[in-house]
């Protein structure tokens, strides 16, 4: 997966004040950490999927379990690749509490 080339704060000209580095620095660091974790998750899932596909299929229940695991890993990987960081977005900062939720 390639990291995004633009910031989550790449806003239209009439909203550039919202992209003030003093306001978004913490969020940018948080997004960078999320992106790194997401890349690692994708790499791990890809490796696990490759290993499952190369493993012997077995017979009966073993074959079914292997196929179900391949299906589960494929679905998870597809979701991460399709939605990327959008799966991780969402933050609230309450007026009475400085810590984000």
PDB file of N, CA and C in Angstrom:
ATOM      1  N   UNK A   1       0.841  -1.183   0.000  1.00  0.00           N
ATOM      2  CA  UNK A   1       0.000   0.000   0.000  1.00  0.00           C
ATOM      3  C   UNK A   1       0.879   1.235   0.000  1.00  0.00           C
ATOM      4  N   UNK A   2       0.527   2.189  -0.796  1.00  0.00           N
ATOM      5  CA  UNK A   2       1.258   3.446  -0.841  1.00  0.00           C
ATOM      6  C   UNK A   2       0.632   4.437   0.112  1.00  0.00           C
ATOM      7  N   UNK A   3       1.464   5.149   0.888  1.00  0.00           N
ATOM      8  CA  UNK A   3       0.899   6.148   1.790  1.00  0.00           C
ATOM      9  C   UNK A   3       0.257   7.275   1.001  1.00  0.00           C
ATOM     10  N   UNK A   4      -0.732   7.934   1.597  1.00  0.00           N
ATOM     11  CA  UNK A   4      -1.386   9.031   0.887  1.00  0.00           C
ATOM     12  C   UNK A   4      -0.387  10.134   0.570  1.00  0.00           C
ATOM     13  N   UNK A   5      -0.558  10.771  -0.571  1.00  0.00           N
ATOM     14  CA  UNK A   5       0.364  11.827  -0.974  1.00  0.00           C
ATOM     15  C   UNK A   5      -0.100  13.188  -0.496  1.00  0.00           C
ATOM     16  N   UNK A   6      -1.329  13.288  -0.031  1.00  0.00           N
ATOM     17  CA  UNK A   6      -1.837  14.555   0.479  1.00  0.00           C
ATOM     18  C   UNK A   6      -2.242  14.380   1.936  1.00  0.00           C
ATOM     19  N   UNK A   7      -2.318  15.482   2.602  1.00  0.00           N
ATOM     20  CA  UNK A   7      -2.698  15.493   4.000  1.00  0.00           C
ATOM     21  C   UNK A   7      -4.208  15.359   4.138  1.00  0.00           C
ATOM     22  N   UNK A   8      -4.648  14.862   5.271  1.00  0.00           N
ATOM     23  CA  UNK A   8      -6.080  14.851   5.574  1.00  0.00           C
ATOM     24  C   UNK A   8      -6.593  16.281   5.697  1.00  0.00           C
ATOM     25  N   UNK A   9      -5.663  17.208   5.828  1.00  0.00           N
ATOM     26  CA  UNK A   9      -6.007  18.619   5.983  1.00  0.00           C
ATOM     27  C   UNK A   9      -5.720  19.417   4.711  1.00  0.00           C
ATOM     28  N   UNK A  10      -5.719  18.761   3.575  1.00  0.00           N
ATOM     29  CA  UNK A  10      -5.575  19.430   2.293  1.00  0.00           C
ATOM     30  C   UNK A  10      -6.942  20.016   1.941  1.00  0.00           C
ATOM     31  N   UNK A  11      -7.185  21.207   2.446  1.00  0.00           N
ATOM     32  CA  UNK A  11      -8.515  21.823   2.384  1.00  0.00           C
ATOM     33  C   UNK A  11      -8.603  22.868   1.285  1.00  0.00           C
ATOM     34  N   UNK A  12      -9.833  23.221   0.877  1.00  0.00           N
ATOM     35  CA  UNK A  12     -10.015  24.287  -0.104  1.00  0.00           C
ATOM     36  C   UNK A  12      -9.471  25.608   0.433  1.00  0.00           C
ATOM     37  N   UNK A  13      -9.202  26.514  -0.471  1.00  0.00           N
ATOM     38  CA  UNK A  13      -8.598  27.805  -0.101  1.00  0.00           C
ATOM     39  C   UNK A  13      -9.384  28.555   0.969  1.00  0.00           C
ATOM     40  N   UNK A  14     -10.699  28.452   0.956  1.00  0.00           N
ATOM     41  CA  UNK A  14     -11.494  29.212   1.932  1.00  0.00           C
ATOM     42  C   UNK A  14     -11.440  28.582   3.335  1.00  0.00           C
ATOM     43  N   UNK A  15     -10.741  27.484   3.486  1.00  0.00           N
ATOM     44  CA  UNK A  15     -10.626  26.846   4.800  1.00  0.00           C
ATOM     45  C   UNK A  15      -9.168  26.629   5.214  1.00  0.00           C
ATOM     46  N   UNK A  16      -8.263  27.344   4.618  1.00  0.00           N
ATOM     47  CA  UNK A  16      -6.841  27.131   4.910  1.00  0.00           C
ATOM     48  C   UNK A  16      -6.488  27.418   6.369  1.00  0.00           C
ATOM     49  N   UNK A  17      -7.235  28.289   7.030  1.00  0.00           N
ATOM     50  CA  UNK A  17      -6.934  28.566   8.446  1.00  0.00           C
ATOM     51  C   UNK A  17      -7.099  27.318   9.308  1.00  0.00           C
ATOM     52  N   UNK A  18      -7.960  26.393   8.886  1.00  0.00           N
ATOM     53  CA  UNK A  18      -8.153  25.159   9.640  1.00  0.00           C
ATOM     54  C   UNK A  18      -6.962  24.224   9.499  1.00  0.00           C
ATOM     55  N   UNK A  19      -6.103  24.470   8.515  1.00  0.00           N
ATOM     56  CA  UNK A  19      -4.917  23.642   8.297  1.00  0.00           C
ATOM     57  C   UNK A  19      -3.663  24.274   8.900  1.00  0.00           C
ATOM     58  N   UNK A  20      -3.851  25.202   9.803  1.00  0.00           N
ATOM     59  CA  UNK A  20      -2.724  25.835  10.484  1.00  0.00           C
ATOM     60  C   UNK A  20      -1.912  24.751  11.195  1.00  0.00           C
ATOM     61  N   UNK A  21      -0.604  24.667  10.934  1.00  0.00           N
ATOM     62  CA  UNK A  21       0.223  23.637  11.565  1.00  0.00           C
ATOM     63  C   UNK A  21       0.116  23.603  13.091  1.00  0.00           C
ATOM     64  N   UNK A  22      -0.101  24.748  13.700  1.00  0.00           N
ATOM     65  CA  UNK A  22      -0.240  24.763  15.158  1.00  0.00           C
ATOM     66  C   UNK A  22      -1.492  24.014  15.607  1.00  0.00           C
ATOM     67  N   UNK A  23      -2.514  24.015  14.759  1.00  0.00           N
ATOM     68  CA  UNK A  23      -3.770  23.343  15.103  1.00  0.00           C
ATOM     69  C   UNK A  23      -3.758  21.852  14.771  1.00  0.00           C
ATOM     70  N   UNK A  24      -3.039  21.472  13.738  1.00  0.00           N
ATOM     71  CA  UNK A  24      -3.163  20.103  13.224  1.00  0.00           C
ATOM     72  C   UNK A  24      -1.942  19.220  13.475  1.00  0.00           C
ATOM     73  N   UNK A  25      -0.896  19.743  14.070  1.00  0.00           N
ATOM     74  CA  UNK A  25       0.346  18.979  14.240  1.00  0.00           C
ATOM     75  C   UNK A  25       0.108  17.653  14.974  1.00  0.00           C
ATOM     76  N   UNK A  26      -0.636  17.691  16.065  1.00  0.00           N
ATOM     77  CA  UNK A  26      -0.904  16.461  16.818  1.00  0.00           C
ATOM     78  C   UNK A  26      -1.681  15.460  15.972  1.00  0.00           C
ATOM     79  N   UNK A  27      -2.666  15.955  15.220  1.00  0.00           N
ATOM     80  CA  UNK A  27      -3.456  15.078  14.357  1.00  0.00           C
ATOM     81  C   UNK A  27      -2.597  14.482  13.247  1.00  0.00           C
ATOM     82  N   UNK A  28      -1.735  15.273  12.655  1.00  0.00           N
ATOM     83  CA  UNK A  28      -0.862  14.773  11.592  1.00  0.00           C
ATOM     84  C   UNK A  28       0.036  13.653  12.117  1.00  0.00           C
ATOM     85  N   UNK A  29       0.574  13.826  13.317  1.00  0.00           N
ATOM     86  CA  UNK A  29       1.405  12.762  13.925  1.00  0.00           C
ATOM     87  C   UNK A  29       0.564  11.517  14.176  1.00  0.00           C
ATOM     88  N   UNK A  30      -0.650  11.719  14.642  1.00  0.00           N
ATOM     89  CA  UNK A  30      -1.547  10.598  14.904  1.00  0.00           C
ATOM     90  C   UNK A  30      -1.878   9.859  13.604  1.00  0.00           C
ATOM     91  N   UNK A  31      -2.181  10.595  12.542  1.00  0.00           N
ATOM     92  CA  UNK A  31      -2.469   9.974  11.247  1.00  0.00           C
ATOM     93  C   UNK A  31      -1.258   9.218  10.713  1.00  0.00           C
ATOM     94  N   UNK A  32      -0.071   9.782  10.916  1.00  0.00           N
ATOM     95  CA  UNK A  32       1.148   9.099  10.452  1.00  0.00           C
ATOM     96  C   UNK A  32       1.332   7.772  11.199  1.00  0.00           C
ATOM     97  N   UNK A  33       1.066   7.775  12.509  1.00  0.00           N
ATOM     98  CA  UNK A  33       1.170   6.532  13.289  1.00  0.00           C
ATOM     99  C   UNK A  33       0.111   5.530  12.836  1.00  0.00           C
ATOM    100  N   UNK A  34      -1.099   6.000  12.567  1.00  0.00           N
ATOM    101  CA  UNK A  34      -2.152   5.120  12.067  1.00  0.00           C
ATOM    102  C   UNK A  34      -1.769   4.526  10.712  1.00  0.00           C
ATOM    103  N   UNK A  35      -1.219   5.358   9.836  1.00  0.00           N
ATOM    104  CA  UNK A  35      -0.826   4.887   8.504  1.00  0.00           C
ATOM    105  C   UNK A  35       0.263   3.825   8.612  1.00  0.00           C
ATOM    106  N   UNK A  36       1.203   4.028   9.506  1.00  0.00           N
ATOM    107  CA  UNK A  36       2.271   3.039   9.700  1.00  0.00           C
ATOM    108  C   UNK A  36       1.702   1.728  10.232  1.00  0.00           C
ATOM    109  N   UNK A  37       0.808   1.818  11.195  1.00  0.00           N
ATOM    110  CA  UNK A  37       0.172   0.618  11.743  1.00  0.00           C
ATOM    111  C   UNK A  37      -0.662  -0.091  10.683  1.00  0.00           C
ATOM    112  N   UNK A  38      -1.357   0.677   9.872  1.00  0.00           N
ATOM    113  CA  UNK A  38      -2.161   0.108   8.801  1.00  0.00           C
ATOM    114  C   UNK A  38      -1.280  -0.623   7.791  1.00  0.00           C
ATOM    115  N   UNK A  39      -0.166  -0.024   7.415  1.00  0.00           N
ATOM    116  CA  UNK A  39       0.757  -0.677   6.487  1.00  0.00           C
ATOM    117  C   UNK A  39       1.285  -1.984   7.069  1.00  0.00           C
ATOM    118  N   UNK A  40       1.603  -1.978   8.355  1.00  0.00           N
ATOM    119  CA  UNK A  40       2.101  -3.195   8.998  1.00  0.00           C
ATOM    120  C   UNK A  40       1.023  -4.272   9.043  1.00  0.00           C
ATOM    121  N   UNK A  41      -0.207  -3.878   9.326  1.00  0.00           N
ATOM    122  CA  UNK A  41      -1.320  -4.827   9.341  1.00  0.00           C
ATOM    123  C   UNK A  41      -1.536  -5.446   7.965  1.00  0.00           C
ATOM    124  N   UNK A  42      -1.450  -4.627   6.927  1.00  0.00           N
ATOM    125  CA  UNK A  42      -1.617  -5.122   5.560  1.00  0.00           C
ATOM    126  C   UNK A  42      -0.506  -6.105   5.209  1.00  0.00           C
ATOM    127  N   UNK A  43       0.732  -5.772   5.577  1.00  0.00           N
ATOM    128  CA  UNK A  43       1.856  -6.667   5.303  1.00  0.00           C
ATOM    129  C   UNK A  43       1.688  -7.988   6.051  1.00  0.00           C
ATOM    130  N   UNK A  44       1.298  -7.911   7.322  1.00  0.00           N
ATOM    131  CA  UNK A  44       1.100  -9.129   8.119  1.00  0.00           C
ATOM    132  C   UNK A  44      -0.016  -9.996   7.543  1.00  0.00           C
ATOM    133  N   UNK A  45      -1.129  -9.375   7.197  1.00  0.00           N
ATOM    134  CA  UNK A  45      -2.241 -10.125   6.611  1.00  0.00           C
ATOM    135  C   UNK A  45      -1.843 -10.762   5.281  1.00  0.00           C
ATOM    136  N   UNK A  46      -1.109 -10.035   4.468  1.00  0.00           N
ATOM    137  CA  UNK A  46      -0.655 -10.567   3.181  1.00  0.00           C
ATOM    138  C   UNK A  46       0.235 -11.789   3.388  1.00  0.00           C
ATOM    139  N   UNK A  47       1.149 -11.700   4.354  1.00  0.00           N
ATOM    140  CA  UNK A  47       2.031 -12.831   4.647  1.00  0.00           C
ATOM    141  C   UNK A  47       1.241 -14.039   5.148  1.00  0.00           C
ATOM    142  N   UNK A  48       0.300 -13.787   6.044  1.00  0.00           N
ATOM    143  CA  UNK A  48      -0.518 -14.892   6.576  1.00  0.00           C
ATOM    144  C   UNK A  48      -1.366 -15.530   5.483  1.00  0.00           C
ATOM    145  N   UNK A  49      -1.912 -14.700   4.597  1.00  0.00           N
ATOM    146  CA  UNK A  49      -2.723 -15.208   3.497  1.00  0.00           C
ATOM    147  C   UNK A  49      -1.871 -16.052   2.548  1.00  0.00           C
ATOM    148  N   UNK A  50      -0.689 -15.577   2.226  1.00  0.00           N
ATOM    149  CA  UNK A  50       0.217 -16.347   1.367  1.00  0.00           C
ATOM    150  C   UNK A  50       0.548 -17.696   1.998  1.00  0.00           C
ATOM    151  N   UNK A  51       0.827 -17.693   3.299  1.00  0.00           N
ATOM    152  CA  UNK A  51       1.158 -18.943   3.998  1.00  0.00           C
ATOM    153  C   UNK A  51      -0.026 -19.906   3.988  1.00  0.00           C
ATOM    154  N   UNK A  52      -1.231 -19.398   4.224  1.00  0.00           N
ATOM    155  CA  UNK A  52      -2.424 -20.256   4.215  1.00  0.00           C
ATOM    156  C   UNK A  52      -2.664 -20.852   2.827  1.00  0.00           C
ATOM    157  N   UNK A  53      -2.448 -20.038   1.809  1.00  0.00           N
ATOM    158  CA  UNK A  53      -2.666 -20.529   0.445  1.00  0.00           C
ATOM    159  C   UNK A  53      -1.661 -21.612   0.065  1.00  0.00           C
ATOM    160  N   UNK A  54      -0.457 -21.535   0.605  1.00  0.00           N
ATOM    161  CA  UNK A  54       0.581 -22.513   0.295  1.00  0.00           C
ATOM    162  C   UNK A  54       0.479 -23.771   1.159  1.00  0.00           C
ATOM    163  N   UNK A  55      -0.245 -23.685   2.263  1.00  0.00           N
ATOM    164  CA  UNK A  55      -0.376 -24.820   3.178  1.00  0.00           C
ATOM    165  C   UNK A  55      -1.211 -25.922   2.533  1.00  0.00           C
ATOM    166  N   UNK A  56      -0.924 -27.171   2.889  1.00  0.00           N
ATOM    167  CA  UNK A  56      -1.743 -28.270   2.366  1.00  0.00           C
ATOM    168  C   UNK A  56      -3.197 -28.087   2.779  1.00  0.00           C
ATOM    169  N   UNK A  57      -4.083 -28.439   1.872  1.00  0.00           N
ATOM    170  CA  UNK A  57      -5.510 -28.251   2.115  1.00  0.00           C
ATOM    171  C   UNK A  57      -6.094 -29.212   3.127  1.00  0.00           C
ATOM    172  N   UNK A  58      -5.550 -30.393   3.199  1.00  0.00           N
ATOM    173  CA  UNK A  58      -6.101 -31.383   4.112  1.00  0.00           C
ATOM    174  C   UNK A  58      -7.360 -32.012   3.542  1.00  0.00           C
ATOM    175  N   UNK A  59      -8.042 -32.715   4.411  1.00  0.00           N
ATOM    176  CA  UNK A  59      -9.252 -33.438   4.004  1.00  0.00           C
ATOM    177  C   UNK A  59     -10.372 -33.087   4.971  1.00  0.00           C
ATOM    178  N   UNK A  60     -11.575 -33.015   4.463  1.00  0.00           N
ATOM    179  CA  UNK A  60     -12.749 -32.807   5.313  1.00  0.00           C
ATOM    180  C   UNK A  60     -12.709 -31.493   6.065  1.00  0.00           C
ATOM    181  N   UNK A  61     -12.816 -31.586   7.396  1.00  0.00           N
ATOM    182  CA  UNK A  61     -12.877 -30.394   8.249  1.00  0.00           C
ATOM    183  C   UNK A  61     -11.617 -29.550   8.120  1.00  0.00           C
ATOM    184  N   UNK A  62     -10.459 -30.192   7.963  1.00  0.00           N
ATOM    185  CA  UNK A  62      -9.212 -29.426   7.803  1.00  0.00           C
ATOM    186  C   UNK A  62      -9.270 -28.551   6.556  1.00  0.00           C
ATOM    187  N   UNK A  63      -9.779 -29.094   5.459  1.00  0.00           N
ATOM    188  CA  UNK A  63      -9.897 -28.335   4.215  1.00  0.00           C
ATOM    189  C   UNK A  63     -10.885 -27.179   4.394  1.00  0.00           C
ATOM    190  N   UNK A  64     -11.987 -27.455   5.052  1.00  0.00           N
ATOM    191  CA  UNK A  64     -12.989 -26.410   5.292  1.00  0.00           C
ATOM    192  C   UNK A  64     -12.411 -25.302   6.164  1.00  0.00           C
ATOM    193  N   UNK A  65     -11.720 -25.661   7.240  1.00  0.00           N
ATOM    194  CA  UNK A  65     -11.121 -24.662   8.124  1.00  0.00           C
ATOM    195  C   UNK A  65     -10.108 -23.798   7.387  1.00  0.00           C
ATOM    196  N   UNK A  66      -9.297 -24.423   6.542  1.00  0.00           N
ATOM    197  CA  UNK A  66      -8.307 -23.676   5.764  1.00  0.00           C
ATOM    198  C   UNK A  66      -9.012 -22.703   4.822  1.00  0.00           C
ATOM    199  N   UNK A  67     -10.036 -23.164   4.139  1.00  0.00           N
ATOM    200  CA  UNK A  67     -10.757 -22.300   3.208  1.00  0.00           C
ATOM    201  C   UNK A  67     -11.445 -21.141   3.923  1.00  0.00           C
ATOM    202  N   UNK A  68     -12.005 -21.410   5.092  1.00  0.00           N
ATOM    203  CA  UNK A  68     -12.640 -20.346   5.869  1.00  0.00           C
ATOM    204  C   UNK A  68     -11.615 -19.307   6.326  1.00  0.00           C
ATOM    205  N   UNK A  69     -10.433 -19.766   6.722  1.00  0.00           N
ATOM    206  CA  UNK A  69      -9.381 -18.835   7.147  1.00  0.00           C
ATOM    207  C   UNK A  69      -8.911 -17.990   5.959  1.00  0.00           C
ATOM    208  N   UNK A  70      -8.771 -18.594   4.798  1.00  0.00           N
ATOM    209  CA  UNK A  70      -8.391 -17.838   3.602  1.00  0.00           C
ATOM    210  C   UNK A  70      -9.463 -16.795   3.289  1.00  0.00           C
ATOM    211  N   UNK A  71     -10.706 -17.180   3.398  1.00  0.00           N
ATOM    212  CA  UNK A  71     -11.805 -16.239   3.143  1.00  0.00           C
ATOM    213  C   UNK A  71     -11.777 -15.089   4.146  1.00  0.00           C
ATOM    214  N   UNK A  72     -11.575 -15.388   5.412  1.00  0.00           N
ATOM    215  CA  UNK A  72     -11.541 -14.363   6.462  1.00  0.00           C
ATOM    216  C   UNK A  72     -10.384 -13.394   6.242  1.00  0.00           C
ATOM    217  N   UNK A  73      -9.191 -13.928   5.975  1.00  0.00           N
ATOM    218  CA  UNK A  73      -8.023 -13.082   5.751  1.00  0.00           C
ATOM    219  C   UNK A  73      -8.202 -12.214   4.500  1.00  0.00           C
ATOM    220  N   UNK A  74      -8.755 -12.797   3.451  1.00  0.00           N
ATOM    221  CA  UNK A  74      -8.977 -12.060   2.210  1.00  0.00           C
ATOM    222  C   UNK A  74      -9.956 -10.911   2.433  1.00  0.00           C
ATOM    223  N   UNK A  75     -11.028 -11.155   3.160  1.00  0.00           N
ATOM    224  CA  UNK A  75     -12.026 -10.113   3.422  1.00  0.00           C
ATOM    225  C   UNK A  75     -11.421  -8.975   4.238  1.00  0.00           C
ATOM    226  N   UNK A  76     -10.647  -9.314   5.239  1.00  0.00           N
ATOM    227  CA  UNK A  76     -10.016  -8.284   6.084  1.00  0.00           C
ATOM    228  C   UNK A  76      -9.023  -7.462   5.267  1.00  0.00           C
ATOM    229  N   UNK A  77      -8.208  -8.140   4.479  1.00  0.00           N
ATOM    230  CA  UNK A  77      -7.226  -7.459   3.654  1.00  0.00           C
ATOM    231  C   UNK A  77      -7.906  -6.548   2.631  1.00  0.00           C
ATOM    232  N   UNK A  78      -8.961  -7.034   2.024  1.00  0.00           N
ATOM    233  CA  UNK A  78      -9.705  -6.242   1.039  1.00  0.00           C
ATOM    234  C   UNK A  78     -10.259  -4.965   1.690  1.00  0.00           C
ATOM    235  N   UNK A  79     -10.797  -5.082   2.891  1.00  0.00           N
ATOM    236  CA  UNK A  79     -11.348  -3.902   3.582  1.00  0.00           C
ATOM    237  C   UNK A  79     -10.252  -2.886   3.896  1.00  0.00           C
ATOM    238  N   UNK A  80      -9.115  -3.357   4.378  1.00  0.00           N
ATOM    239  CA  UNK A  80      -8.023  -2.438   4.699  1.00  0.00           C
ATOM    240  C   UNK A  80      -7.497  -1.751   3.449  1.00  0.00           C
ATOM    241  N   UNK A  81      -7.374  -2.492   2.368  1.00  0.00           N
ATOM    242  CA  UNK A  81      -6.880  -1.905   1.121  1.00  0.00           C
ATOM    243  C   UNK A  81      -7.889  -0.940   0.506  1.00  0.00           C
ATOM    244  N   UNK A  82      -9.140  -1.262   0.618  1.00  0.00           N
ATOM    245  CA  UNK A  82     -10.171  -0.412   0.009  1.00  0.00           C
ATOM    246  C   UNK A  82     -10.377   0.895   0.760  1.00  0.00           C
ATOM    247  N   UNK A  83     -10.444   0.821   2.090  1.00  0.00           N
ATOM    248  CA  UNK A  83     -10.809   1.995   2.867  1.00  0.00           C
ATOM    249  C   UNK A  83      -9.623   2.684   3.539  1.00  0.00           C
ATOM    250  N   UNK A  84      -8.531   1.977   3.750  1.00  0.00           N
ATOM    251  CA  UNK A  84      -7.331   2.592   4.316  1.00  0.00           C
ATOM    252  C   UNK A  84      -7.594   3.346   5.602  1.00  0.00           C
ATOM    253  N   UNK A  85      -7.037   4.539   5.679  1.00  0.00           N
ATOM    254  CA  UNK A  85      -7.166   5.343   6.896  1.00  0.00           C
ATOM    255  C   UNK A  85      -8.588   5.767   7.186  1.00  0.00           C
ATOM    256  N   UNK A  86      -9.468   5.748   6.183  1.00  0.00           N
ATOM    257  CA  UNK A  86     -10.863   6.124   6.435  1.00  0.00           C
ATOM    258  C   UNK A  86     -11.492   5.230   7.495  1.00  0.00           C
ATOM    259  N   UNK A  87     -10.985   3.996   7.639  1.00  0.00           N
ATOM    260  CA  UNK A  87     -11.495   3.120   8.695  1.00  0.00           C
ATOM    261  C   UNK A  87     -11.148   3.635  10.080  1.00  0.00           C
ATOM    262  N   UNK A  88     -10.156   4.492  10.160  1.00  0.00           N
ATOM    263  CA  UNK A  88      -9.633   4.935  11.452  1.00  0.00           C
ATOM    264  C   UNK A  88     -10.042   6.345  11.831  1.00  0.00           C
ATOM    265  N   UNK A  89     -10.739   7.053  10.945  1.00  0.00           N
ATOM    266  CA  UNK A  89     -11.042   8.454  11.208  1.00  0.00           C
ATOM    267  C   UNK A  89     -12.230   8.620  12.132  1.00  0.00           C
ATOM    268  N   UNK A  90     -12.145   9.631  12.945  1.00  0.00           N
ATOM    269  CA  UNK A  90     -13.213   9.977  13.862  1.00  0.00           C
ATOM    270  C   UNK A  90     -12.611  10.482  15.151  1.00  0.00           C
ATOM    271  N   UNK A  91     -12.939  11.711  15.507  1.00  0.00           N
ATOM    272  CA  UNK A  91     -12.360  12.301  16.704  1.00  0.00           C
ATOM    273  C   UNK A  91     -13.268  13.417  17.199  1.00  0.00           C
ATOM    274  N   UNK A  92     -13.422  13.463  18.504  1.00  0.00           N
ATOM    275  CA  UNK A  92     -14.187  14.530  19.135  1.00  0.00           C
ATOM    276  C   UNK A  92     -13.316  15.167  20.196  1.00  0.00           C
ATOM    277  N   UNK A  93     -13.381  16.486  20.293  1.00  0.00           N
ATOM    278  CA  UNK A  93     -12.736  17.211  21.384  1.00  0.00           C
ATOM    279  C   UNK A  93     -13.837  18.014  22.052  1.00  0.00           C
ATOM    280  N   UNK A  94     -14.148  17.644  23.276  1.00  0.00           N
ATOM    281  CA  UNK A  94     -15.215  18.321  24.012  1.00  0.00           C
ATOM    282  C   UNK A  94     -14.726  19.661  24.547  1.00  0.00           C
ATOM    283  N   UNK A  95     -15.634  20.600  24.629  1.00  0.00           N
ATOM    284  CA  UNK A  95     -15.282  21.933  25.124  1.00  0.00           C
ATOM    285  C   UNK A  95     -14.826  21.882  26.575  1.00  0.00           C
ATOM    286  N   UNK A  96     -15.377  20.959  27.357  1.00  0.00           N
ATOM    287  CA  UNK A  96     -15.039  20.901  28.775  1.00  0.00           C
ATOM    288  C   UNK A  96     -13.924  19.912  29.087  1.00  0.00           C
ATOM    289  N   UNK A  97     -13.411  19.199  28.083  1.00  0.00           N
ATOM    290  CA  UNK A  97     -12.317  18.234  28.279  1.00  0.00           C
ATOM    291  C   UNK A  97     -11.298  18.392  27.168  1.00  0.00           C
ATOM    292  N   UNK A  98     -10.046  18.636  27.528  1.00  0.00           N
ATOM    293  CA  UNK A  98      -9.035  18.851  26.477  1.00  0.00           C
ATOM    294  C   UNK A  98      -8.610  17.562  25.756  1.00  0.00           C
ATOM    295  N   UNK A  99      -8.842  16.407  26.351  1.00  0.00           N
ATOM    296  CA  UNK A  99      -8.411  15.154  25.735  1.00  0.00           C
ATOM    297  C   UNK A  99      -9.386  14.714  24.647  1.00  0.00           C
ATOM    298  N   UNK A 100      -8.861  14.400  23.470  1.00  0.00           N
ATOM    299  CA  UNK A 100      -9.755  13.950  22.385  1.00  0.00           C
ATOM    300  C   UNK A 100     -10.308  12.550  22.657  1.00  0.00           C
ATOM    301  N   UNK A 101     -11.462  12.295  22.066  1.00  0.00           N
ATOM    302  CA  UNK A 101     -12.098  10.990  22.143  1.00  0.00           C
ATOM    303  C   UNK A 101     -12.005  10.366  20.760  1.00  0.00           C
TER     304      UNK A 101
END
